[in-house]
Structure formats: structure tokens, C-alpha cells
PDB file of N, CA and C in Angstrom:
ATOM      1  N   MET A   1      61.816  51.623  97.361  1.00  0.00           N
ATOM      2  CA  MET A   1      61.130  52.431  95.961  1.00  0.00           C
ATOM      3  C   MET A   1      59.538  52.481  96.335  1.00  0.00           C
ATOM      4  N   VAL A   2      59.179  51.856  96.374  1.00  0.00           N
ATOM      5  CA  VAL A   2      57.931  51.891  97.060  1.00  0.00           C
ATOM      6  C   VAL A   2      57.182  53.059  98.003  1.00  0.00           C
ATOM      7  N   MET A   3      57.886  52.935  99.118  1.00  0.00           N
ATOM      8  CA  MET A   3      57.844  54.130  99.862  1.00  0.00           C
ATOM      9  C   MET A   3      58.668  55.002  99.918  1.00  0.00           C
ATOM     10  N   ARG A   4      59.799  54.632  99.313  1.00  0.00           N
ATOM     11  CA  ARG A   4      60.509  56.167  98.238  1.00  0.00           C
ATOM     12  C   ARG A   4      58.888  57.570  97.975  1.00  0.00           C
ATOM     13  N   MET A   5      58.190  56.435  96.565  1.00  0.00           N
ATOM     14  CA  MET A   5      57.271  56.482  96.237  1.00  0.00           C
ATOM     15  C   MET A   5      55.858  57.932  97.272  1.00  0.00           C
ATOM     16  N   ALA A   6      55.944  56.909  98.027  1.00  0.00           N
ATOM     17  CA  ALA A   6      54.802  57.188  98.848  1.00  0.00           C
ATOM     18  C   ALA A   6      55.236  58.161  99.782  1.00  0.00           C
ATOM     19  N   LYS A   7      56.186  58.525  99.749  1.00  0.00           N
ATOM     20  CA  LYS A   7      57.414  59.476 100.453  1.00  0.00           C
ATOM     21  C   LYS A   7      56.807  61.271  99.344  1.00  0.00           C
ATOM     22  N   VAL A   8      56.978  60.865  98.215  1.00  0.00           N
ATOM     23  CA  VAL A   8      56.919  61.762  97.304  1.00  0.00           C
ATOM     24  C   VAL A   8      55.473  62.412  97.177  1.00  0.00           C
ATOM     25  N   ALA A   9      54.791  61.197  97.150  1.00  0.00           N
ATOM     26  CA  ALA A   9      53.605  61.604  96.686  1.00  0.00           C
ATOM     27  C   ALA A   9      53.129  62.244  98.374  1.00  0.00           C
ATOM     28  N   ILE A  10      53.402  61.618  99.326  1.00  0.00           N
ATOM     29  CA  ILE A  10      53.003  62.556 100.750  1.00  0.00           C
ATOM     30  C   ILE A  10      52.846  63.736 101.001  1.00  0.00           C
ATOM     31  N   ALA A  11      54.785  63.963 100.575  1.00  0.00           N
ATOM     32  CA  ALA A  11      54.815  65.896 100.244  1.00  0.00           C
ATOM     33  C   ALA A  11      54.541  66.105  99.061  1.00  0.00           C
ATOM     34  N   SER A  12      53.825  65.757  98.491  1.00  0.00           N
ATOM     35  CA  SER A  12      53.067  66.932  97.390  1.00  0.00           C
ATOM     36  C   SER A  12      52.303  66.376  97.823  1.00  0.00           C
ATOM     37  N   VAL A  13      51.410  66.032  98.219  1.00  0.00           N
ATOM     38  CA  VAL A  13      50.049  66.329  98.885  1.00  0.00           C
ATOM     39  C   VAL A  13      50.327  67.194 100.206  1.00  0.00           C
ATOM     40  N   VAL A  14      50.573  67.889 100.614  1.00  0.00           N
ATOM     41  CA  VAL A  14      51.304  68.292 102.142  1.00  0.00           C
ATOM     42  C   VAL A  14      51.415  69.927 101.306  1.00  0.00           C
ATOM     43  N   LEU A  15      52.388  69.723 100.145  1.00  0.00           N
ATOM     44  CA  LEU A  15      52.428  71.358 100.243  1.00  0.00           C
ATOM     45  C   LEU A  15      52.210  71.666  99.013  1.00  0.00           C
ATOM     46  N   ILE A  16      51.318  70.852  98.264  1.00  0.00           N
ATOM     47  CA  ILE A  16      49.599  71.189  98.112  1.00  0.00           C
ATOM     48  C   ILE A  16      48.663  72.466  98.763  1.00  0.00           C
ATOM     49  N   ALA A  17      49.335  71.165  99.640  1.00  0.00           N
ATOM     50  CA  ALA A  17      47.423  71.761 101.260  1.00  0.00           C
ATOM     51  C   ALA A  17      47.748  73.366 101.726  1.00  0.00           C
ATOM     52  N   CYS A  18      49.419  73.781 101.774  1.00  0.00           N
ATOM     53  CA  CYS A  18      50.597  74.398 102.274  1.00  0.00           C
ATOM     54  C   CYS A  18      49.162  75.955 101.295  1.00  0.00           C
ATOM     55  N   GLY A  19      49.210  75.846 100.542  1.00  0.00           N
ATOM     56  CA  GLY A  19      48.760  77.261 100.034  1.00  0.00           C
ATOM     57  C   GLY A  19      47.248  77.259 100.531  1.00  0.00           C
ATOM     58  N   ALA A  20      46.668  76.157 100.158  1.00  0.00           N
ATOM     59  CA  ALA A  20      44.840  76.111 100.367  1.00  0.00           C
ATOM     60  C   ALA A  20      44.603  76.980 102.018  1.00  0.00           C
ATOM     61  N   SER A  21      46.147  76.628 102.303  1.00  0.00           N
ATOM     62  CA  SER A  21      46.204  77.166 104.127  1.00  0.00           C
ATOM     63  C   SER A  21      45.534  77.688 104.415  1.00  0.00           C
ATOM     64  N   LEU A  22      46.899  78.535 103.810  1.00  0.00           N
ATOM     65  CA  LEU A  22      46.338  79.903 104.205  1.00  0.00           C
ATOM     66  C   LEU A  22      45.136  80.637 103.887  1.00  0.00           C
ATOM     67  N   PRO A  23      43.889  81.783 105.154  1.00  0.00           N
ATOM     68  CA  PRO A  23      43.377  81.905 104.750  1.00  0.00           C
ATOM     69  C   PRO A  23      43.301  83.191 103.643  1.00  0.00           C
ATOM     70  N   PRO A  24      41.952  82.580 102.927  1.00  0.00           N
ATOM     71  CA  PRO A  24      42.047  84.316 100.907  1.00  0.00           C
ATOM     72  C   PRO A  24      42.574  84.965 101.417  1.00  0.00           C
ATOM     73  N   PRO A  25      43.283  86.421 100.360  1.00  0.00           N
ATOM     74  CA  PRO A  25      43.530  87.490 101.089  1.00  0.00           C
ATOM     75  C   PRO A  25      42.412  88.154 100.709  1.00  0.00           C
ATOM     76  N   SER A  26      41.037  87.952 100.680  1.00  0.00           N
ATOM     77  CA  SER A  26      39.751  88.471 100.479  1.00  0.00           C
ATOM     78  C   SER A  26      39.590  90.160 101.170  1.00  0.00           C
ATOM     79  N   ASP A  27      40.415  90.309 102.263  1.00  0.00           N
ATOM     80  CA  ASP A  27      40.419  92.348 102.281  1.00  0.00           C
ATOM     81  C   ASP A  27      41.511  92.947 101.518  1.00  0.00           C
ATOM     82  N   ASP A  28      42.695  92.302 101.202  1.00  0.00           N
ATOM     83  CA  ASP A  28      43.855  92.618 100.409  1.00  0.00           C
ATOM     84  C   ASP A  28      43.239  92.387  99.391  1.00  0.00           C
ATOM     85  N   TRP A  29      42.540  91.630  98.625  1.00  0.00           N
ATOM     86  CA  TRP A  29      42.139  91.592  96.913  1.00  0.00           C
ATOM     87  C   TRP A  29      40.815  93.403  96.864  1.00  0.00           C
ATOM     88  N   ALA A  30      40.296  93.226  98.069  1.00  0.00           N
ATOM     89  CA  ALA A  30      39.039  95.020  98.324  1.00  0.00           C
ATOM     90  C   ALA A  30      40.272  96.292  98.164  1.00  0.00           C
ATOM     91  N   ALA A  31      41.439  95.995  98.997  1.00  0.00           N
ATOM     92  CA  ALA A  31      42.105  97.185  98.876  1.00  0.00           C
ATOM     93  C   ALA A  31      42.507  97.520  97.494  1.00  0.00           C
ATOM     94  N   ALA A  32      42.681  96.371  96.841  1.00  0.00           N
ATOM     95  CA  ALA A  32      43.397  96.128  95.638  1.00  0.00           C
ATOM     96  C   ALA A  32      42.702  96.480  94.666  1.00  0.00           C
ATOM     97  N   GLN A  33      41.038  96.743  94.320  1.00  0.00           N
ATOM     98  CA  GLN A  33      40.308  96.916  93.662  1.00  0.00           C
ATOM     99  C   GLN A  33      40.071  97.982  94.115  1.00  0.00           C
ATOM    100  N   ALA A  34      40.527  98.724  95.406  1.00  0.00           N
ATOM    101  CA  ALA A  34      40.100 100.363  95.508  1.00  0.00           C
ATOM    102  C   ALA A  34      41.298 100.988  94.999  1.00  0.00           C
ATOM    103  N   ASP A  35      42.120 100.196  94.480  1.00  0.00           N
ATOM    104  CA  ASP A  35      43.592 100.749  94.173  1.00  0.00           C
ATOM    105  C   ASP A  35      43.188 101.318  93.252  1.00  0.00           C
ATOM    106  N   VAL A  36      42.669  99.516  92.157  1.00  0.00           N
ATOM    107  CA  VAL A  36      43.276 100.368  90.436  1.00  0.00           C
ATOM    108  C   VAL A  36      41.551 101.202  90.379  1.00  0.00           C
ATOM    109  N   GLY A  37      40.149 101.597  91.240  1.00  0.00           N
ATOM    110  CA  GLY A  37      39.535 102.106  91.263  1.00  0.00           C
ATOM    111  C   GLY A  37      39.923 103.780  91.194  1.00  0.00           C
ATOM    112  N   ARG A  38      40.893 103.757  92.769  1.00  0.00           N
ATOM    113  CA  ARG A  38      41.859 105.373  91.978  1.00  0.00           C
ATOM    114  C   ARG A  38      42.217 105.050  90.668  1.00  0.00           C
ATOM    115  N   ALA A  39      43.134 104.974  90.738  1.00  0.00           N
ATOM    116  CA  ALA A  39      44.233 104.832  89.798  1.00  0.00           C
ATOM    117  C   ALA A  39      42.707 105.373  88.600  1.00  0.00           C
ATOM    118  N   GLN A  40      42.330 104.377  88.316  1.00  0.00           N
ATOM    119  CA  GLN A  40      41.418 104.617  87.002  1.00  0.00           C
ATOM    120  C   GLN A  40      40.337 105.734  86.637  1.00  0.00           C
ATOM    121  N   SER A  41      39.929 106.345  87.979  1.00  0.00           N
ATOM    122  CA  SER A  41      39.590 108.394  88.284  1.00  0.00           C
ATOM    123  C   SER A  41      40.300 108.673  88.039  1.00  0.00           C
ATOM    124  N   GLY A  42      41.913 108.691  88.919  1.00  0.00           N
ATOM    125  CA  GLY A  42      42.714 109.664  88.803  1.00  0.00           C
ATOM    126  C   GLY A  42      43.247 109.332  86.938  1.00  0.00           C
ATOM    127  N   GLY A  43      43.470 109.153  86.352  1.00  0.00           N
ATOM    128  CA  GLY A  43      43.540 109.440  84.768  1.00  0.00           C
ATOM    129  C   GLY A  43      44.842 108.708  84.443  1.00  0.00           C
ATOM    130  N   ALA A  44      44.506 107.521  85.379  1.00  0.00           N
ATOM    131  CA  ALA A  44      45.597 105.434  84.523  1.00  0.00           C
ATOM    132  C   ALA A  44      45.483 106.034  82.853  1.00  0.00           C
ATOM    133  N   PRO A  45      44.182 105.666  82.631  1.00  0.00           N
ATOM    134  CA  PRO A  45      43.808 105.178  81.949  1.00  0.00           C
ATOM    135  C   PRO A  45      44.539 106.170  79.951  1.00  0.00           C
ATOM    136  N   SER A  46      44.786 107.307  80.665  1.00  0.00           N
ATOM    137  CA  SER A  46      44.368 107.993  79.320  1.00  0.00           C
ATOM    138  C   SER A  46      46.249 108.682  79.376  1.00  0.00           C
ATOM    139  N   VAL A  47      47.162 108.057  79.757  1.00  0.00           N
ATOM    140  CA  VAL A  47      48.301 107.797  80.172  1.00  0.00           C
ATOM    141  C   VAL A  47      49.116 106.582  79.468  1.00  0.00           C
ATOM    142  N   PRO A  48      49.869 106.199  78.979  1.00  0.00           N
ATOM    143  CA  PRO A  48      50.107 105.262  78.413  1.00  0.00           C
ATOM    144  C   PRO A  48      50.913 104.638  79.422  1.00  0.00           C
ATOM    145  N   ASP A  49      52.145 104.822  79.940  1.00  0.00           N
ATOM    146  CA  ASP A  49      52.389 104.332  80.722  1.00  0.00           C
ATOM    147  C   ASP A  49      51.282 104.052  82.256  1.00  0.00           C
ATOM    148  N   ALA A  50      50.767 104.746  82.527  1.00  0.00           N
ATOM    149  CA  ALA A  50      49.891 104.793  83.953  1.00  0.00           C
ATOM    150  C   ALA A  50      49.019 103.493  83.139  1.00  0.00           C
ATOM    151  N   LYS A  51      48.672 103.257  82.570  1.00  0.00           N
ATOM    152  CA  LYS A  51      47.564 102.317  81.711  1.00  0.00           C
ATOM    153  C   LYS A  51      48.037 101.509  81.485  1.00  0.00           C
ATOM    154  N   LEU A  52      48.993 101.165  81.220  1.00  0.00           N
ATOM    155  CA  LEU A  52      50.350  99.662  81.258  1.00  0.00           C
ATOM    156  C   LEU A  52      50.232  99.003  82.833  1.00  0.00           C
ATOM    157  N   HIS A  53      50.669  99.507  83.605  1.00  0.00           N
ATOM    158  CA  HIS A  53      50.279  99.288  85.158  1.00  0.00           C
ATOM    159  C   HIS A  53      49.117  99.571  85.238  1.00  0.00           C
ATOM    160  N   LEU A  54      48.245  99.815  84.950  1.00  0.00           N
ATOM    161  CA  LEU A  54      47.025  99.583  85.146  1.00  0.00           C
ATOM    162  C   LEU A  54      46.278  98.398  84.765  1.00  0.00           C
ATOM    163  N   GLN A  55      46.198  97.720  83.746  1.00  0.00           N
ATOM    164  CA  GLN A  55      45.890  96.937  82.873  1.00  0.00           C
ATOM    165  C   GLN A  55      46.951  95.257  83.109  1.00  0.00           C
ATOM    166  N   LEU A  56      47.994  96.027  83.754  1.00  0.00           N
ATOM    167  CA  LEU A  56      48.746  94.837  85.232  1.00  0.00           C
ATOM    168  C   LEU A  56      48.241  94.394  86.409  1.00  0.00           C
ATOM    169  N   ALA A  57      47.521  95.418  86.736  1.00  0.00           N
ATOM    170  CA  ALA A  57      47.205  95.437  88.289  1.00  0.00           C
ATOM    171  C   ALA A  57      45.293  94.550  88.256  1.00  0.00           C
ATOM    172  N   GLN A  58      45.156  95.186  86.986  1.00  0.00           N
ATOM    173  CA  GLN A  58      43.171  94.506  87.439  1.00  0.00           C
ATOM    174  C   GLN A  58      43.701  93.157  86.131  1.00  0.00           C
ATOM    175  N   GLU A  59      44.814  92.613  85.436  1.00  0.00           N
ATOM    176  CA  GLU A  59      45.420  91.365  85.296  1.00  0.00           C
ATOM    177  C   GLU A  59      45.137  89.799  86.552  1.00  0.00           C
ATOM    178  N   ASP A  60      46.989  91.245  87.366  1.00  0.00           N
ATOM    179  CA  ASP A  60      46.463  90.613  88.940  1.00  0.00           C
ATOM    180  C   ASP A  60      45.664  90.164  89.650  1.00  0.00           C
ATOM    181  N   LEU A  61      44.822  91.215  89.081  1.00  0.00           N
ATOM    182  CA  LEU A  61      43.907  91.021  90.640  1.00  0.00           C
ATOM    183  C   LEU A  61      43.020  90.058  89.377  1.00  0.00           C
ATOM    184  N   GLN A  62      42.982  88.983  88.146  1.00  0.00           N
ATOM    185  CA  GLN A  62      41.970  88.463  87.698  1.00  0.00           C
ATOM    186  C   GLN A  62      42.831  86.858  88.438  1.00  0.00           C
ATOM    187  N   LYS A  63      44.038  86.984  87.974  1.00  0.00           N
ATOM    188  CA  LYS A  63      44.606  85.731  88.092  1.00  0.00           C
ATOM    189  C   LYS A  63      44.635  85.584  90.600  1.00  0.00           C
ATOM    190  N   SER A  64      44.396  86.535  90.609  1.00  0.00           N
ATOM    191  CA  SER A  64      44.601  86.393  92.383  1.00  0.00           C
ATOM    192  C   SER A  64      43.043  86.163  92.738  1.00  0.00           C
ATOM    193  N   LYS A  65      42.440  86.564  92.177  1.00  0.00           N
ATOM    194  CA  LYS A  65      40.040  86.081  91.870  1.00  0.00           C
ATOM    195  C   LYS A  65      40.469  83.950  91.907  1.00  0.00           C
ATOM    196  N   ASP A  66      41.210  83.770  90.865  1.00  0.00           N
ATOM    197  CA  ASP A  66      41.509  82.830  90.171  1.00  0.00           C
ATOM    198  C   ASP A  66      41.598  81.935  91.106  1.00  0.00           C
ATOM    199  N   LEU A  67      42.702  81.976  91.705  1.00  0.00           N
ATOM    200  CA  LEU A  67      43.750  80.750  92.526  1.00  0.00           C
ATOM    201  C   LEU A  67      43.032  80.816  94.058  1.00  0.00           C
ATOM    202  N   MET A  68      41.969  81.847  94.169  1.00  0.00           N
ATOM    203  CA  MET A  68      42.015  82.249  95.979  1.00  0.00           C
ATOM    204  C   MET A  68      41.033  80.277  96.201  1.00  0.00           C
ATOM    205  N   ASP A  69      41.661  80.127  97.360  1.00  0.00           N
ATOM    206  CA  ASP A  69      41.092  79.201  98.089  1.00  0.00           C
ATOM    207  C   ASP A  69      41.807  77.402  97.355  1.00  0.00           C
ATOM    208  N   LYS A  70      42.560  77.853  96.292  1.00  0.00           N
ATOM    209  CA  LYS A  70      43.369  76.713  95.884  1.00  0.00           C
ATOM    210  C   LYS A  70      44.700  77.218  96.326  1.00  0.00           C
ATOM    211  N   ASP A  71      45.144  78.279  95.683  1.00  0.00           N
ATOM    212  CA  ASP A  71      46.871  78.348  96.112  1.00  0.00           C
ATOM    213  C   ASP A  71      47.169  80.004  96.720  1.00  0.00           C
ATOM    214  N   ASN A  72      45.892  79.625  98.159  1.00  0.00           N
ATOM    215  CA  ASN A  72      46.019  80.952  98.654  1.00  0.00           C
ATOM    216  C   ASN A  72      47.430  82.373  99.150  1.00  0.00           C
ATOM    217  N   LYS A  73      48.878  81.549  99.284  1.00  0.00           N
ATOM    218  CA  LYS A  73      49.353  81.898  99.256  1.00  0.00           C
ATOM    219  C   LYS A  73      50.386  82.864  97.697  1.00  0.00           C
ATOM    220  N   ARG A  74      49.997  82.157  96.655  1.00  0.00           N
ATOM    221  CA  ARG A  74      50.554  82.873  95.407  1.00  0.00           C
ATOM    222  C   ARG A  74      49.258  83.645  95.373  1.00  0.00           C
ATOM    223  N   ALA A  75      47.960  83.973  95.122  1.00  0.00           N
ATOM    224  CA  ALA A  75      46.405  85.010  95.340  1.00  0.00           C
ATOM    225  C   ALA A  75      47.525  85.721  96.576  1.00  0.00           C
ATOM    226  N   ALA A  76      47.454  85.897  97.480  1.00  0.00           N
ATOM    227  CA  ALA A  76      48.134  86.689  98.526  1.00  0.00           C
ATOM    228  C   ALA A  76      49.514  87.551  97.833  1.00  0.00           C
ATOM    229  N   SER A  77      50.120  87.163  97.136  1.00  0.00           N
ATOM    230  CA  SER A  77      51.743  87.496  96.451  1.00  0.00           C
ATOM    231  C   SER A  77      50.500  88.610  95.196  1.00  0.00           C
ATOM    232  N   LEU A  78      50.074  87.815  94.020  1.00  0.00           N
ATOM    233  CA  LEU A  78      49.265  89.004  93.307  1.00  0.00           C
ATOM    234  C   LEU A  78      48.176  89.908  93.818  1.00  0.00           C
ATOM    235  N   VAL A  79      47.959  90.226  94.498  1.00  0.00           N
ATOM    236  CA  VAL A  79      47.089  90.858  95.242  1.00  0.00           C
ATOM    237  C   VAL A  79      48.257  92.705  95.567  1.00  0.00           C
ATOM    238  N   ALA A  80      49.013  91.799  95.984  1.00  0.00           N
ATOM    239  CA  ALA A  80      49.855  92.996  96.368  1.00  0.00           C
ATOM    240  C   ALA A  80      50.252  93.110  95.259  1.00  0.00           C
ATOM    241  N   LEU A  81      51.392  92.742  94.346  1.00  0.00           N
ATOM    242  CA  LEU A  81      51.723  92.930  93.037  1.00  0.00           C
ATOM    243  C   LEU A  81      50.840  93.648  92.556  1.00  0.00           C
ATOM    244  N   ALA A  82      49.409  93.923  92.100  1.00  0.00           N
ATOM    245  CA  ALA A  82      48.276  94.489  92.189  1.00  0.00           C
ATOM    246  C   ALA A  82      48.255  95.538  92.507  1.00  0.00           C
ATOM    247  N   ARG A  83      48.125  95.716  93.286  1.00  0.00           N
ATOM    248  CA  ARG A  83      48.595  96.693  94.550  1.00  0.00           C
ATOM    249  C   ARG A  83      49.444  98.001  94.247  1.00  0.00           C
ATOM    250  N   VAL A  84      50.789  97.581  93.619  1.00  0.00           N
ATOM    251  CA  VAL A  84      51.514  97.983  94.026  1.00  0.00           C
ATOM    252  C   VAL A  84      51.451  98.491  91.940  1.00  0.00           C
ATOM    253  N   GLU A  85      51.105  97.392  91.506  1.00  0.00           N
ATOM    254  CA  GLU A  85      50.449  98.212  89.981  1.00  0.00           C
ATOM    255  C   GLU A  85      49.967  99.214  90.005  1.00  0.00           C
ATOM    256  N   ALA A  86      48.441  99.161  90.985  1.00  0.00           N
ATOM    257  CA  ALA A  86      47.709 100.069  90.728  1.00  0.00           C
ATOM    258  C   ALA A  86      48.399 101.810  91.073  1.00  0.00           C
ATOM    259  N   GLN A  87      49.659 101.399  92.145  1.00  0.00           N
ATOM    260  CA  GLN A  87      49.741 102.695  92.840  1.00  0.00           C
ATOM    261  C   GLN A  87      50.313 103.115  92.472  1.00  0.00           C
ATOM    262  N   LEU A  88      51.362 102.719  91.030  1.00  0.00           N
ATOM    263  CA  LEU A  88      52.090 103.146  90.031  1.00  0.00           C
ATOM    264  C   LEU A  88      51.375 103.775  89.076  1.00  0.00           C
ATOM    265  N   ALA A  89      50.705 103.148  88.840  1.00  0.00           N
ATOM    266  CA  ALA A  89      50.096 103.289  87.568  1.00  0.00           C
ATOM    267  C   ALA A  89      49.102 105.130  87.925  1.00  0.00           C
ATOM    268  N   LEU A  90      48.544 105.195  89.292  1.00  0.00           N
ATOM    269  CA  LEU A  90      47.983 106.331  89.464  1.00  0.00           C
ATOM    270  C   LEU A  90      49.055 107.190  90.284  1.00  0.00           C
ATOM    271  N   SER A  91      50.172 107.487  90.228  1.00  0.00           N
ATOM    272  CA  SER A  91      51.128 107.817  90.344  1.00  0.00           C
ATOM    273  C   SER A  91      51.734 108.478  89.330  1.00  0.00           C
ATOM    274  N   LEU A  92      51.831 108.050  88.160  1.00  0.00           N
ATOM    275  CA  LEU A  92      52.357 108.177  86.526  1.00  0.00           C
ATOM    276  C   LEU A  92      51.346 108.994  86.304  1.00  0.00           C
ATOM    277  N   ALA A  93      50.052 108.938  86.122  1.00  0.00           N
ATOM    278  CA  ALA A  93      49.034 109.611  86.163  1.00  0.00           C
ATOM    279  C   ALA A  93      49.322 111.215  86.690  1.00  0.00           C
ATOM    280  N   LYS A  94      49.107 110.945  87.798  1.00  0.00           N
ATOM    281  CA  LYS A  94      49.836 112.357  89.155  1.00  0.00           C
ATOM    282  C   LYS A  94      50.623 113.305  88.599  1.00  0.00           C
ATOM    283  N   ALA A  95      52.085 112.370  88.016  1.00  0.00           N
ATOM    284  CA  ALA A  95      52.626 112.978  87.573  1.00  0.00           C
ATOM    285  C   ALA A  95      53.096 113.696  85.758  1.00  0.00           C
ATOM    286  N   ALA A  96      52.370 113.008  85.196  1.00  0.00           N
ATOM    287  CA  ALA A  96      51.736 113.448  83.864  1.00  0.00           C
ATOM    288  C   ALA A  96      50.619 114.449  84.200  1.00  0.00           C
ATOM    289  N   SER A  97      49.767 114.753  84.568  1.00  0.00           N
ATOM    290  CA  SER A  97      48.803 115.736  84.993  1.00  0.00           C
ATOM    291  C   SER A  97      49.710 117.082  85.958  1.00  0.00           C
ATOM    292  N   ALA A  98      50.826 116.701  86.679  1.00  0.00           N
ATOM    293  CA  ALA A  98      51.817 117.877  87.179  1.00  0.00           C
ATOM    294  C   ALA A  98      52.528 118.466  86.172  1.00  0.00           C
ATOM    295  N   GLN A  99      52.903 117.887  85.159  1.00  0.00           N
ATOM    296  CA  GLN A  99      53.568 117.836  84.011  1.00  0.00           C
ATOM    297  C   GLN A  99      53.376 119.108  83.641  1.00  0.00           C
ATOM    298  N   GLU A 100      52.282 118.780  82.585  1.00  0.00           N
ATOM    299  CA  GLU A 100      51.182 119.725  82.009  1.00  0.00           C
ATOM    300  C   GLU A 100      51.003 120.126  82.418  1.00  0.00           C
ATOM    301  N   SER A 101      50.609 121.093  83.492  1.00  0.00           N
ATOM    302  CA  SER A 101      50.496 122.123  84.427  1.00  0.00           C
ATOM    303  C   SER A 101      51.180 122.915  84.516  1.00  0.00           C
ATOM    304  N   ALA A 102      52.344 121.845  84.282  1.00  0.00           N
ATOM    305  CA  ALA A 102      53.948 123.090  85.133  1.00  0.00           C
ATOM    306  C   ALA A 102      53.712 123.552  83.875  1.00  0.00           C
ATOM    307  N   GLN A 103      53.539 122.503  82.277  1.00  0.00           N
ATOM    308  CA  GLN A 103      53.895 123.776  81.547  1.00  0.00           C
ATOM    309  C   GLN A 103      53.089 124.775  81.040  1.00  0.00           C
ATOM    310  N   GLN A 104      51.774 124.585  81.206  1.00  0.00           N
ATOM    311  CA  GLN A 104      50.894 125.403  81.064  1.00  0.00           C
ATOM    312  C   GLN A 104      51.124 126.783  81.813  1.00  0.00           C
ATOM    313  N   ALA A 105      51.789 126.649  83.351  1.00  0.00           N
ATOM    314  CA  ALA A 105      52.159 127.536  83.943  1.00  0.00           C
ATOM    315  C   ALA A 105      53.345 128.926  82.805  1.00  0.00           C
ATOM    316  N   GLN A 106      53.745 127.213  82.533  1.00  0.00           N
ATOM    317  CA  GLN A 106      55.047 128.107  82.204  1.00  0.00           C
ATOM    318  C   GLN A 106      54.942 129.350  80.935  1.00  0.00           C
ATOM    319  N   GLN A 107      53.719 128.298  79.833  1.00  0.00           N
ATOM    320  CA  GLN A 107      53.489 129.298  78.840  1.00  0.00           C
ATOM    321  C   GLN A 107      52.701 130.766  79.035  1.00  0.00           C
ATOM    322  N   ASP A 108      51.990 130.414  80.685  1.00  0.00           N
ATOM    323  CA  ASP A 108      50.942 132.026  81.051  1.00  0.00           C
ATOM    324  C   ASP A 108      51.766 133.038  81.606  1.00  0.00           C
ATOM    325  N   LEU A 109      53.308 132.283  82.244  1.00  0.00           N
ATOM    326  CA  LEU A 109      54.414 133.046  82.731  1.00  0.00           C
ATOM    327  C   LEU A 109      54.976 133.781  81.603  1.00  0.00           C
ATOM    328  N   GLN A 110      54.787 132.750  80.239  1.00  0.00           N
ATOM    329  CA  GLN A 110      55.533 133.594  79.081  1.00  0.00           C
ATOM    330  C   GLN A 110      55.040 134.415  78.262  1.00  0.00           C
ATOM    331  N   LYS A 111      53.409 134.752  79.179  1.00  0.00           N
ATOM    332  CA  LYS A 111      52.489 135.292  78.223  1.00  0.00           C
ATOM    333  C   LYS A 111      52.283 136.557  78.530  1.00  0.00           C
ATOM    334  N   ALA A 112      52.540 136.246  79.996  1.00  0.00           N
ATOM    335  CA  ALA A 112      52.449 137.956  81.241  1.00  0.00           C
ATOM    336  C   ALA A 112      53.699 138.498  80.523  1.00  0.00           C
ATOM    337  N   LYS A 113      55.324 138.223  80.261  1.00  0.00           N
ATOM    338  CA  LYS A 113      55.890 138.887  80.339  1.00  0.00           C
ATOM    339  C   LYS A 113      55.874 139.595  79.085  1.00  0.00           C
ATOM    340  N   GLY A 114      55.275 138.797  77.751  1.00  0.00           N
ATOM    341  CA  GLY A 114      55.305 139.867  76.958  1.00  0.00           C
ATOM    342  C   GLY A 114      56.049 139.222  75.477  1.00  0.00           C
ATOM    343  N   ASN A 115      56.642 138.171  76.171  1.00  0.00           N
ATOM    344  CA  ASN A 115      57.371 137.335  75.549  1.00  0.00           C
ATOM    345  C   ASN A 115      56.926 136.281  73.783  1.00  0.00           C
TER     346      ASN A 115
END
């Protein structure tokens, strides 16, 4: 029984240490931060769906920063998720802008035709 508990304790320590044995995802974190910045400047805060994904990206980045050097594997996963969320936010903002431009062009065409 004591031997089994010792093995479980050792296994737990090894598993906990494995998450921190990976290097912190600092470069990826910086890239994700840049993606968030692009989404912000690309109009994501003014498009409701894009704003949601931008907020999720920011939350994931903060969580990943808190986990660095404690659980780098989880931190890296959150950084990857933050990058995707930020990229989606930017894409949604661009799509909304394109939709607005298309509608304006259609209205201008109708005016030009005299309708």
C-alpha cells in the first residue's frame, strides 16, 4: 500500500513537471498579441460577432500568460486558440466591411440607373 502511494506520488510529480518542462510559448504569445492588435485595428470591436471572438482571444492570452512557467503545455494550447480567435475576429470584421461596401455599391448602381 505504501509502495503504491509512493508510485502515485512520483507519477503525479512527473506529470506536473512535464507541463513546465516545455519552454514557455513566448514567441507564439507575441505573435498572438500581434494578431489581437490586427483584429482591433481591423474593426473587430465594432462588429458584434468579431468583438466576441476578440474578447475570447484576449482572455485566452491572459490565461496563457498566467500559466507560463507553471503549465507551458496548456499555455501553448491557449496561445494557439487565442491566435485563431483573433484571426477569426479580423476575418469577421473584414467580411462585415465588405458586406457594407457591396450594399453601398448596389445602392449607387441603383441611383445611377435612375431607380
